[in-house]
Amino acid sequence: MREFKRTDRVADQLQQELAVLIQREIKDPRLGMVTVSGVNVSRDLGYADVYVTLLGDDDAERIKENLAVLKRAAGFLRSQIAQRIKLRHVPELRFHYDESVARGHKLSSLIDQAVESDRARSGNDDTSSEDER
């Protein structure tokens, strides 16, 4: 079994700290309910790609606005992380919208619709076969 890579440990710690910092420290009213869904740190720890989702909001304009707020707050967040985590160099934060959650909800609703239409179709088939007997 392989040990956890250092970049994975740093990414996990960054994810936890950023989740708290974004909720408690950023006072911008334009920022919605942001969830940090994942962090990928480059091998040299120079960059951290932070993936976020917005609670109940997949409007492209709102996503763009929230990412802009986070991008403007990146320096502040980095300085706060430097105080909380012992790292020689805190990675530069780059924020991205995580579409996988929205895509998952869309696929889930499509599956539900397909199951429902199958039930409706099989329900019609059952009644027609009983009428033929």
C-alpha atoms as a PDB file:
ATOM      1  CA  MET A   1       0.000   0.000   0.000  1.00  0.00           C
ATOM      2  CA  ARG A   2       1.309   3.448  -0.936  1.00  0.00           C
ATOM      3  CA  GLU A   3       1.674   6.277   1.539  1.00  0.00           C
ATOM      4  CA  PHE A   4      -0.340   9.458   1.124  1.00  0.00           C
ATOM      5  CA  LYS A   5       1.581  11.892  -1.044  1.00  0.00           C
ATOM      6  CA  ARG A   6       2.468  15.212   0.546  1.00  0.00           C
ATOM      7  CA  THR A   7       0.478  17.079  -2.095  1.00  0.00           C
ATOM      8  CA  ASP A   8      -2.622  15.056  -1.138  1.00  0.00           C
ATOM      9  CA  ARG A   9      -2.189  15.907   2.540  1.00  0.00           C
ATOM     10  CA  VAL A  10      -1.706  19.596   1.739  1.00  0.00           C
ATOM     11  CA  ALA A  11      -4.756  19.529  -0.580  1.00  0.00           C
ATOM     12  CA  ASP A  12      -6.931  17.959   2.132  1.00  0.00           C
ATOM     13  CA  GLN A  13      -5.812  20.506   4.694  1.00  0.00           C
ATOM     14  CA  LEU A  14      -6.335  23.399   2.262  1.00  0.00           C
ATOM     15  CA  GLN A  15      -9.834  22.140   1.471  1.00  0.00           C
ATOM     16  CA  GLN A  16     -10.797  22.056   5.157  1.00  0.00           C
ATOM     17  CA  GLU A  17      -9.317  25.480   5.933  1.00  0.00           C
ATOM     18  CA  LEU A  18     -10.781  27.145   2.833  1.00  0.00           C
ATOM     19  CA  ALA A  19     -14.257  25.781   3.560  1.00  0.00           C
ATOM     20  CA  VAL A  20     -14.203  27.465   6.977  1.00  0.00           C
ATOM     21  CA  LEU A  21     -12.516  30.671   5.803  1.00  0.00           C
ATOM     22  CA  ILE A  22     -14.874  31.237   2.870  1.00  0.00           C
ATOM     23  CA  GLN A  23     -17.939  30.822   5.070  1.00  0.00           C
ATOM     24  CA  ARG A  24     -16.736  32.873   8.045  1.00  0.00           C
ATOM     25  CA  GLU A  25     -14.268  35.468   6.782  1.00  0.00           C
ATOM     26  CA  ILE A  26     -15.438  36.668   3.378  1.00  0.00           C
ATOM     27  CA  LYS A  27     -18.069  39.333   3.963  1.00  0.00           C
ATOM     28  CA  ASP A  28     -19.014  40.022   0.314  1.00  0.00           C
ATOM     29  CA  PRO A  29     -22.844  39.989  -0.013  1.00  0.00           C
ATOM     30  CA  ARG A  30     -22.602  38.742  -3.620  1.00  0.00           C
ATOM     31  CA  LEU A  31     -21.041  35.487  -2.452  1.00  0.00           C
ATOM     32  CA  GLY A  32     -23.607  32.691  -2.242  1.00  0.00           C
ATOM     33  CA  MET A  33     -23.431  29.437  -0.311  1.00  0.00           C
ATOM     34  CA  VAL A  34     -20.107  28.134  -1.605  1.00  0.00           C
ATOM     35  CA  THR A  35     -18.889  24.602  -0.956  1.00  0.00           C
ATOM     36  CA  VAL A  36     -15.275  23.601  -1.549  1.00  0.00           C
ATOM     37  CA  SER A  37     -15.688  20.276  -3.332  1.00  0.00           C
ATOM     38  CA  GLY A  38     -12.018  19.554  -3.961  1.00  0.00           C
ATOM     39  CA  VAL A  39      -8.470  20.882  -4.130  1.00  0.00           C
ATOM     40  CA  ASN A  40      -5.657  19.747  -6.411  1.00  0.00           C
ATOM     41  CA  VAL A  41      -2.165  20.935  -5.514  1.00  0.00           C
ATOM     42  CA  SER A  42       0.646  21.018  -8.078  1.00  0.00           C
ATOM     43  CA  ARG A  43       3.656  18.803  -7.371  1.00  0.00           C
ATOM     44  CA  ASP A  44       5.864  21.795  -6.537  1.00  0.00           C
ATOM     45  CA  LEU A  45       3.130  23.217  -4.236  1.00  0.00           C
ATOM     46  CA  GLY A  46       3.124  26.400  -6.321  1.00  0.00           C
ATOM     47  CA  TYR A  47      -0.557  26.285  -7.246  1.00  0.00           C
ATOM     48  CA  ALA A  48      -3.746  24.935  -5.741  1.00  0.00           C
ATOM     49  CA  ASP A  49      -6.754  24.492  -8.016  1.00  0.00           C
ATOM     50  CA  VAL A  50      -9.786  24.929  -5.765  1.00  0.00           C
ATOM     51  CA  TYR A  51     -13.071  23.482  -7.056  1.00  0.00           C
ATOM     52  CA  VAL A  52     -16.257  25.011  -5.681  1.00  0.00           C
ATOM     53  CA  THR A  53     -19.983  24.452  -6.065  1.00  0.00           C
ATOM     54  CA  LEU A  54     -22.835  26.840  -5.352  1.00  0.00           C
ATOM     55  CA  LEU A  55     -25.791  25.635  -3.360  1.00  0.00           C
ATOM     56  CA  GLY A  56     -28.896  25.503  -5.582  1.00  0.00           C
ATOM     57  CA  ASP A  57     -27.505  27.880  -8.169  1.00  0.00           C
ATOM     58  CA  ASP A  58     -26.245  26.858 -11.589  1.00  0.00           C
ATOM     59  CA  ASP A  59     -26.927  30.169 -13.348  1.00  0.00           C
ATOM     60  CA  ALA A  60     -23.828  30.991 -15.431  1.00  0.00           C
ATOM     61  CA  GLU A  61     -23.848  34.676 -14.437  1.00  0.00           C
ATOM     62  CA  ARG A  62     -24.030  33.893 -10.684  1.00  0.00           C
ATOM     63  CA  ILE A  63     -21.231  31.329 -11.030  1.00  0.00           C
ATOM     64  CA  LYS A  64     -19.046  33.886 -12.813  1.00  0.00           C
ATOM     65  CA  GLU A  65     -19.776  36.526 -10.160  1.00  0.00           C
ATOM     66  CA  ASN A  66     -18.976  34.146  -7.276  1.00  0.00           C
ATOM     67  CA  LEU A  67     -15.714  33.047  -8.909  1.00  0.00           C
ATOM     68  CA  ALA A  68     -14.745  36.718  -9.351  1.00  0.00           C
ATOM     69  CA  VAL A  69     -15.391  37.384  -5.638  1.00  0.00           C
ATOM     70  CA  LEU A  70     -13.264  34.368  -4.673  1.00  0.00           C
ATOM     71  CA  LYS A  71     -10.509  35.388  -7.070  1.00  0.00           C
ATOM     72  CA  ARG A  72     -10.396  38.877  -5.501  1.00  0.00           C
ATOM     73  CA  ALA A  73     -10.253  37.305  -2.022  1.00  0.00           C
ATOM     74  CA  ALA A  74      -7.500  34.818  -2.958  1.00  0.00           C
ATOM     75  CA  GLY A  75      -4.685  36.927  -1.485  1.00  0.00           C
ATOM     76  CA  PHE A  76      -6.557  37.381   1.791  1.00  0.00           C
ATOM     77  CA  LEU A  77      -7.381  33.661   1.941  1.00  0.00           C
ATOM     78  CA  ARG A  78      -3.745  32.791   1.260  1.00  0.00           C
ATOM     79  CA  SER A  79      -2.553  35.012   4.100  1.00  0.00           C
ATOM     80  CA  GLN A  80      -5.089  33.444   6.469  1.00  0.00           C
ATOM     81  CA  ILE A  81      -3.996  29.940   5.439  1.00  0.00           C
ATOM     82  CA  ALA A  82      -0.336  30.900   6.031  1.00  0.00           C
ATOM     83  CA  GLN A  83      -1.249  31.694   9.652  1.00  0.00           C
ATOM     84  CA  ARG A  84      -3.139  28.426  10.138  1.00  0.00           C
ATOM     85  CA  ILE A  85      -1.026  25.850   8.303  1.00  0.00           C
ATOM     86  CA  LYS A  86       2.699  25.391   8.716  1.00  0.00           C
ATOM     87  CA  LEU A  87       3.937  25.545   5.139  1.00  0.00           C
ATOM     88  CA  ARG A  88       7.113  27.149   3.838  1.00  0.00           C
ATOM     89  CA  HIS A  89       5.181  28.370   0.800  1.00  0.00           C
ATOM     90  CA  VAL A  90       1.380  28.616   0.589  1.00  0.00           C
ATOM     91  CA  PRO A  91       0.229  27.703  -2.949  1.00  0.00           C
ATOM     92  CA  GLU A  92      -1.372  30.334  -5.159  1.00  0.00           C
ATOM     93  CA  LEU A  93      -5.134  29.735  -5.170  1.00  0.00           C
ATOM     94  CA  ARG A  94      -6.993  29.326  -8.450  1.00  0.00           C
ATOM     95  CA  PHE A  95     -10.760  28.928  -8.208  1.00  0.00           C
ATOM     96  CA  HIS A  96     -12.848  26.821 -10.612  1.00  0.00           C
ATOM     97  CA  TYR A  97     -16.531  25.904 -10.719  1.00  0.00           C
ATOM     98  CA  ASP A  98     -17.029  22.171 -10.173  1.00  0.00           C
ATOM     99  CA  GLU A  99     -19.605  21.097 -12.761  1.00  0.00           C
ATOM    100  CA  SER A 100     -19.598  17.451 -11.684  1.00  0.00           C
ATOM    101  CA  VAL A 101     -22.191  18.028  -8.940  1.00  0.00           C
ATOM    102  CA  ALA A 102     -24.589  19.860 -11.269  1.00  0.00           C
ATOM    103  CA  ARG A 103     -24.016  17.210 -13.940  1.00  0.00           C
ATOM    104  CA  GLY A 104     -24.744  14.498 -11.371  1.00  0.00           C
ATOM    105  CA  HIS A 105     -28.044  16.138 -10.388  1.00  0.00           C
ATOM    106  CA  LYS A 106     -29.030  16.429 -14.050  1.00  0.00           C
ATOM    107  CA  LEU A 107     -28.212  12.768 -14.732  1.00  0.00           C
ATOM    108  CA  SER A 108     -30.062  11.702 -11.599  1.00  0.00           C
ATOM    109  CA  SER A 109     -33.206  13.561 -12.644  1.00  0.00           C
ATOM    110  CA  LEU A 110     -32.977  12.065 -16.162  1.00  0.00           C
ATOM    111  CA  ILE A 111     -32.745   8.580 -14.650  1.00  0.00           C
ATOM    112  CA  ASP A 112     -35.751   9.315 -12.408  1.00  0.00           C
ATOM    113  CA  GLN A 113     -37.741  10.481 -15.438  1.00  0.00           C
ATOM    114  CA  ALA A 114     -36.812   7.337 -17.391  1.00  0.00           C
ATOM    115  CA  VAL A 115     -37.807   5.077 -14.480  1.00  0.00           C
ATOM    116  CA  GLU A 116     -41.104   6.948 -14.083  1.00  0.00           C
ATOM    117  CA  SER A 117     -41.925   6.677 -17.784  1.00  0.00           C
ATOM    118  CA  ASP A 118     -41.069   2.945 -17.705  1.00  0.00           C
ATOM    119  CA  ARG A 119     -43.429   2.482 -14.756  1.00  0.00           C
ATOM    120  CA  ALA A 120     -46.188   4.365 -16.548  1.00  0.00           C
ATOM    121  CA  ARG A 121     -45.656   2.305 -19.703  1.00  0.00           C
ATOM    122  CA  SER A 122     -45.575  -1.032 -17.852  1.00  0.00           C
ATOM    123  CA  GLY A 123     -48.673   0.014 -15.894  1.00  0.00           C
ATOM    124  CA  ASN A 124     -50.516   0.537 -19.191  1.00  0.00           C
ATOM    125  CA  ASP A 125     -49.267  -2.800 -20.504  1.00  0.00           C
ATOM    126  CA  ASP A 126     -50.566  -4.640 -17.409  1.00  0.00           C
ATOM    127  CA  THR A 127     -54.081  -3.271 -17.760  1.00  0.00           C
ATOM    128  CA  SER A 128     -54.258  -4.031 -21.479  1.00  0.00           C
ATOM    129  CA  SER A 129     -53.094  -7.635 -20.970  1.00  0.00           C
ATOM    130  CA  GLU A 130     -55.791  -8.168 -18.314  1.00  0.00           C
ATOM    131  CA  ASP A 131     -58.456  -6.873 -20.686  1.00  0.00           C
ATOM    132  CA  GLU A 132     -57.423  -9.438 -23.308  1.00  0.00           C
ATOM    133  CA  ARG A 133     -57.984 -12.385 -20.937  1.00  0.00           C
END
